[in-house]
Amino acid sequence: MNESSRVEAFSDGVFAIAITLLILEIKVPAAGEHGGLWRALADQWPSYASYVVSFLVIGIMWVNHHQVFSYVARVDRTLMFLNLLLLMVVAAVPWPTAMLAEYLREDHASHAAAAVYSLVMVLMALTFQALWWHLTRTGHLFDARVDASAARATRVRFALGSLGYPLTVGLAFVSAPLTLAAHGLLALYYAFNQVPVPTRRDPATP
């Protein structure tokens, strides 16, 4: 197993744990007197919505992370620390997810919860962007398939795509449910591989 594979294997473990912890935050409800268990289950809709959006966020981040590292032939110390920063944020996602689910139907508290959730997503976008910028700075960590110059040219497009996350912090003070929906849409946007790794037509060409 080469260095890149070891980093990716460790990262996969963190992604798997974080995405699994999301479901543990959904508790089994107590059956109430009016409507019984079905009513109690329906009342937990904020937990289901938060779970689905955060699952998409982490899952799609894992897919994109895997795609990037499939082109990484070697790692350096800086890349390892940037990857650790990204994983630190990924591991934290279950916490704001649970908080947003708890306060989504509240008034003022929902805005604070949605803002914290959005700030965590901003950090995730920034750390992934930093990782990509380091990889494309010289391109020496990529394997021969990658067109380093073309990869470097995607930096601006990558940064523009990340602008949606800071906007959700402002949206959090307007509507928490809309903020959660916006994060779901952003996750779907990145699901369609908006910044693919550019490759050479002939990998042997320098």
Protein backbone atom coordinates (compact mmCIF):
# COMPACT_ATOMS: atom_id res chain seq x y z
CA MET A 1 0.00 0.00 0.00
CA ASN A 2 1.51 3.35 -1.04
CA GLU A 3 1.36 6.57 1.00
CA SER A 4 -1.64 7.92 -0.88
CA SER A 5 -3.61 4.71 -0.31
CA ARG A 6 -2.84 4.82 3.41
CA VAL A 7 -4.09 8.40 3.69
CA GLU A 8 -7.22 7.52 1.75
CA ALA A 9 -7.88 4.40 3.84
CA PHE A 10 -7.60 6.43 7.07
CA SER A 11 -9.88 9.09 5.58
CA ASP A 12 -12.45 6.47 4.56
CA GLY A 13 -12.61 5.31 8.17
CA VAL A 14 -13.33 8.83 9.44
CA PHE A 15 -15.99 9.40 6.78
CA ALA A 16 -17.62 6.06 7.64
CA ILE A 17 -17.73 6.79 11.37
CA ALA A 18 -19.06 10.33 10.90
CA ILE A 19 -21.82 9.24 8.53
CA THR A 20 -22.81 6.40 10.87
CA LEU A 21 -23.01 8.68 13.90
CA LEU A 22 -25.70 10.73 12.14
CA ILE A 23 -28.35 8.02 12.54
CA LEU A 24 -27.49 7.53 16.21
CA GLU A 25 -28.78 11.05 16.88
CA ILE A 26 -32.32 10.00 15.88
CA LYS A 27 -33.87 8.65 19.05
CA VAL A 28 -36.75 6.20 19.33
CA PRO A 29 -39.76 8.39 20.27
CA ALA A 30 -42.11 7.70 23.13
CA ALA A 31 -45.68 7.01 22.02
CA GLY A 32 -47.92 9.87 23.13
CA GLU A 33 -51.55 9.72 24.15
CA HIS A 34 -52.82 11.56 21.09
CA GLY A 35 -51.92 9.86 17.83
CA GLY A 36 -49.68 7.27 19.43
CA LEU A 37 -46.38 6.23 17.94
CA TRP A 38 -47.26 7.36 14.42
CA ARG A 39 -47.76 10.93 15.65
CA ALA A 40 -44.55 10.77 17.65
CA LEU A 41 -42.63 9.54 14.61
CA ALA A 42 -44.07 12.31 12.44
CA ASP A 43 -43.09 14.92 15.02
CA GLN A 44 -39.46 13.94 14.52
CA TRP A 45 -39.38 15.22 10.92
CA PRO A 46 -36.61 17.77 11.71
CA SER A 47 -34.34 14.87 12.69
CA TYR A 48 -35.08 13.02 9.45
CA ALA A 49 -34.53 16.11 7.30
CA SER A 50 -31.26 16.99 9.05
CA TYR A 51 -30.08 13.39 8.76
CA VAL A 52 -30.76 13.20 5.02
CA VAL A 53 -29.02 16.49 4.23
CA SER A 54 -25.96 15.74 6.38
CA PHE A 55 -25.76 12.21 4.97
CA LEU A 56 -25.70 13.70 1.48
CA VAL A 57 -23.08 16.27 2.47
CA ILE A 58 -20.70 13.72 4.00
CA GLY A 59 -21.40 11.07 1.36
CA ILE A 60 -20.80 13.39 -1.59
CA MET A 61 -17.71 14.83 0.10
CA TRP A 62 -16.41 11.26 0.43
CA VAL A 63 -17.07 10.57 -3.26
CA ASN A 64 -15.21 13.73 -4.33
CA HIS A 65 -12.38 13.07 -1.87
CA HIS A 66 -12.02 9.55 -3.25
CA GLN A 67 -11.96 10.83 -6.82
CA VAL A 68 -9.23 13.37 -6.05
CA PHE A 69 -7.05 10.87 -4.19
CA SER A 70 -7.39 8.32 -6.97
CA TYR A 71 -5.09 10.65 -8.93
CA VAL A 72 -2.63 11.31 -6.08
CA ALA A 73 0.57 9.28 -6.44
CA ARG A 74 2.44 10.63 -3.40
CA VAL A 75 1.75 12.74 -0.34
CA ASP A 76 3.76 15.33 1.53
CA ARG A 77 3.49 16.58 5.11
CA THR A 78 1.39 19.61 4.17
CA LEU A 79 -1.15 17.49 2.31
CA MET A 80 -1.45 15.15 5.29
CA PHE A 81 -2.17 18.02 7.68
CA LEU A 82 -4.65 19.65 5.30
CA ASN A 83 -6.40 16.30 4.98
CA LEU A 84 -6.50 16.01 8.77
CA LEU A 85 -8.12 19.45 9.00
CA LEU A 86 -10.77 18.35 6.52
CA LEU A 87 -11.42 15.16 8.48
CA MET A 88 -11.66 17.13 11.72
CA VAL A 89 -14.55 19.11 10.26
CA VAL A 90 -16.19 16.02 8.76
CA ALA A 91 -16.06 14.29 12.14
CA ALA A 92 -17.80 17.31 13.72
CA VAL A 93 -20.82 17.29 11.36
CA PRO A 94 -23.03 15.04 13.56
CA TRP A 95 -22.94 17.68 16.32
CA PRO A 96 -24.48 20.64 14.44
CA THR A 97 -26.80 18.18 12.70
CA ALA A 98 -28.24 17.08 16.04
CA MET A 99 -28.46 20.69 17.25
CA LEU A 100 -30.28 21.85 14.12
CA ALA A 101 -32.71 18.93 14.36
CA GLU A 102 -33.41 19.83 17.99
CA TYR A 103 -34.10 23.53 17.39
CA LEU A 104 -35.37 23.61 13.80
CA ARG A 105 -38.94 24.39 14.89
CA GLU A 106 -37.96 26.96 17.51
CA ASP A 107 -37.95 30.68 16.84
CA HIS A 108 -34.71 32.47 17.72
CA ALA A 109 -32.83 29.29 18.64
CA SER A 110 -33.34 27.87 15.14
CA HIS A 111 -31.42 30.76 13.62
CA ALA A 112 -28.42 30.20 15.89
CA ALA A 113 -28.48 26.44 15.24
CA ALA A 114 -28.69 26.95 11.47
CA ALA A 115 -25.85 29.49 11.59
CA VAL A 116 -23.59 27.07 13.46
CA TYR A 117 -24.49 24.31 10.98
CA SER A 118 -23.65 26.62 8.08
CA LEU A 119 -20.36 27.71 9.66
CA VAL A 120 -19.29 24.06 9.92
CA MET A 121 -20.11 23.63 6.24
CA VAL A 122 -18.09 26.75 5.43
CA LEU A 123 -15.12 25.24 7.24
CA MET A 124 -15.56 21.99 5.32
CA ALA A 125 -15.61 23.84 2.00
CA LEU A 126 -12.55 25.91 2.93
CA THR A 127 -10.49 22.92 4.07
CA PHE A 128 -11.33 20.94 0.94
CA GLN A 129 -10.48 23.98 -1.16
CA ALA A 130 -7.14 24.36 0.66
CA LEU A 131 -6.39 20.69 -0.02
CA TRP A 132 -7.18 21.14 -3.72
CA TRP A 133 -5.12 24.32 -3.97
CA HIS A 134 -2.12 22.60 -2.41
CA LEU A 135 -2.42 19.66 -4.79
CA THR A 136 -2.62 21.93 -7.83
CA ARG A 137 0.07 24.41 -6.71
CA THR A 138 2.81 22.49 -8.51
CA GLY A 139 1.02 19.28 -9.44
CA HIS A 140 4.00 17.17 -8.34
CA LEU A 141 1.84 15.02 -6.06
CA PHE A 142 -0.42 13.89 -8.91
CA ASP A 143 0.29 10.88 -11.05
CA ALA A 144 1.15 11.10 -14.76
CA ARG A 145 -2.49 11.07 -15.89
CA VAL A 146 -3.22 14.56 -14.51
CA ASP A 147 -2.77 17.71 -16.56
CA ALA A 148 -1.27 19.90 -13.82
CA SER A 149 -1.74 23.19 -15.72
CA ALA A 150 -5.41 22.45 -16.41
CA ALA A 151 -5.91 21.37 -12.80
CA ARG A 152 -4.43 24.67 -11.61
CA ALA A 153 -6.85 26.54 -13.86
CA THR A 154 -9.82 25.02 -11.99
CA ARG A 155 -8.90 26.87 -8.78
CA VAL A 156 -11.06 29.91 -9.54
CA ARG A 157 -14.05 27.80 -10.51
CA PHE A 158 -13.58 25.75 -7.34
CA ALA A 159 -13.50 28.93 -5.22
CA LEU A 160 -16.62 30.34 -6.91
CA GLY A 161 -18.51 27.14 -6.14
CA SER A 162 -17.63 27.53 -2.47
CA LEU A 163 -19.24 30.98 -2.26
CA GLY A 164 -22.64 29.40 -1.71
CA TYR A 165 -21.69 28.22 1.77
CA PRO A 166 -21.02 31.67 3.33
CA LEU A 167 -24.36 32.82 1.91
CA THR A 168 -26.12 30.13 3.93
CA VAL A 169 -24.80 31.74 7.14
CA GLY A 170 -26.82 34.86 6.30
CA LEU A 171 -29.80 32.75 5.23
CA ALA A 172 -29.72 31.08 8.66
CA PHE A 173 -31.02 34.31 10.22
CA VAL A 174 -33.93 34.37 7.79
CA SER A 175 -35.13 30.75 7.90
CA ALA A 176 -33.56 27.63 9.38
CA PRO A 177 -35.59 25.20 7.21
CA LEU A 178 -34.60 27.11 4.06
CA THR A 179 -30.97 26.99 5.19
CA LEU A 180 -31.16 23.22 5.55
CA ALA A 181 -32.74 22.95 2.10
CA ALA A 182 -29.99 25.15 0.63
CA HIS A 183 -27.33 22.82 2.01
CA GLY A 184 -29.14 19.90 0.43
CA LEU A 185 -29.10 21.67 -2.93
CA LEU A 186 -25.40 22.53 -2.57
CA ALA A 187 -24.63 18.89 -1.82
CA LEU A 188 -26.51 17.82 -4.96
CA TYR A 189 -24.63 20.46 -6.96
CA TYR A 190 -21.31 18.91 -5.95
CA ALA A 191 -22.68 15.43 -6.60
CA PHE A 192 -22.42 16.17 -10.31
CA ASN A 193 -18.62 16.51 -10.19
CA GLN A 194 -18.48 20.24 -10.81
CA VAL A 195 -14.68 20.35 -10.72
CA PRO A 196 -13.36 17.12 -12.31
CA VAL A 197 -9.66 16.32 -12.20
CA PRO A 198 -8.31 17.25 -15.68
CA THR A 199 -6.39 14.45 -17.33
CA ARG A 200 -4.03 14.29 -20.29
CA ARG A 201 -5.04 12.65 -23.54
CA ASP A 202 -1.65 10.95 -23.52
CA PRO A 203 -0.40 10.27 -19.96
CA ALA A 204 3.14 9.91 -21.31
CA THR A 205 3.17 13.53 -22.46
CA PRO A 206 5.03 15.75 -19.95
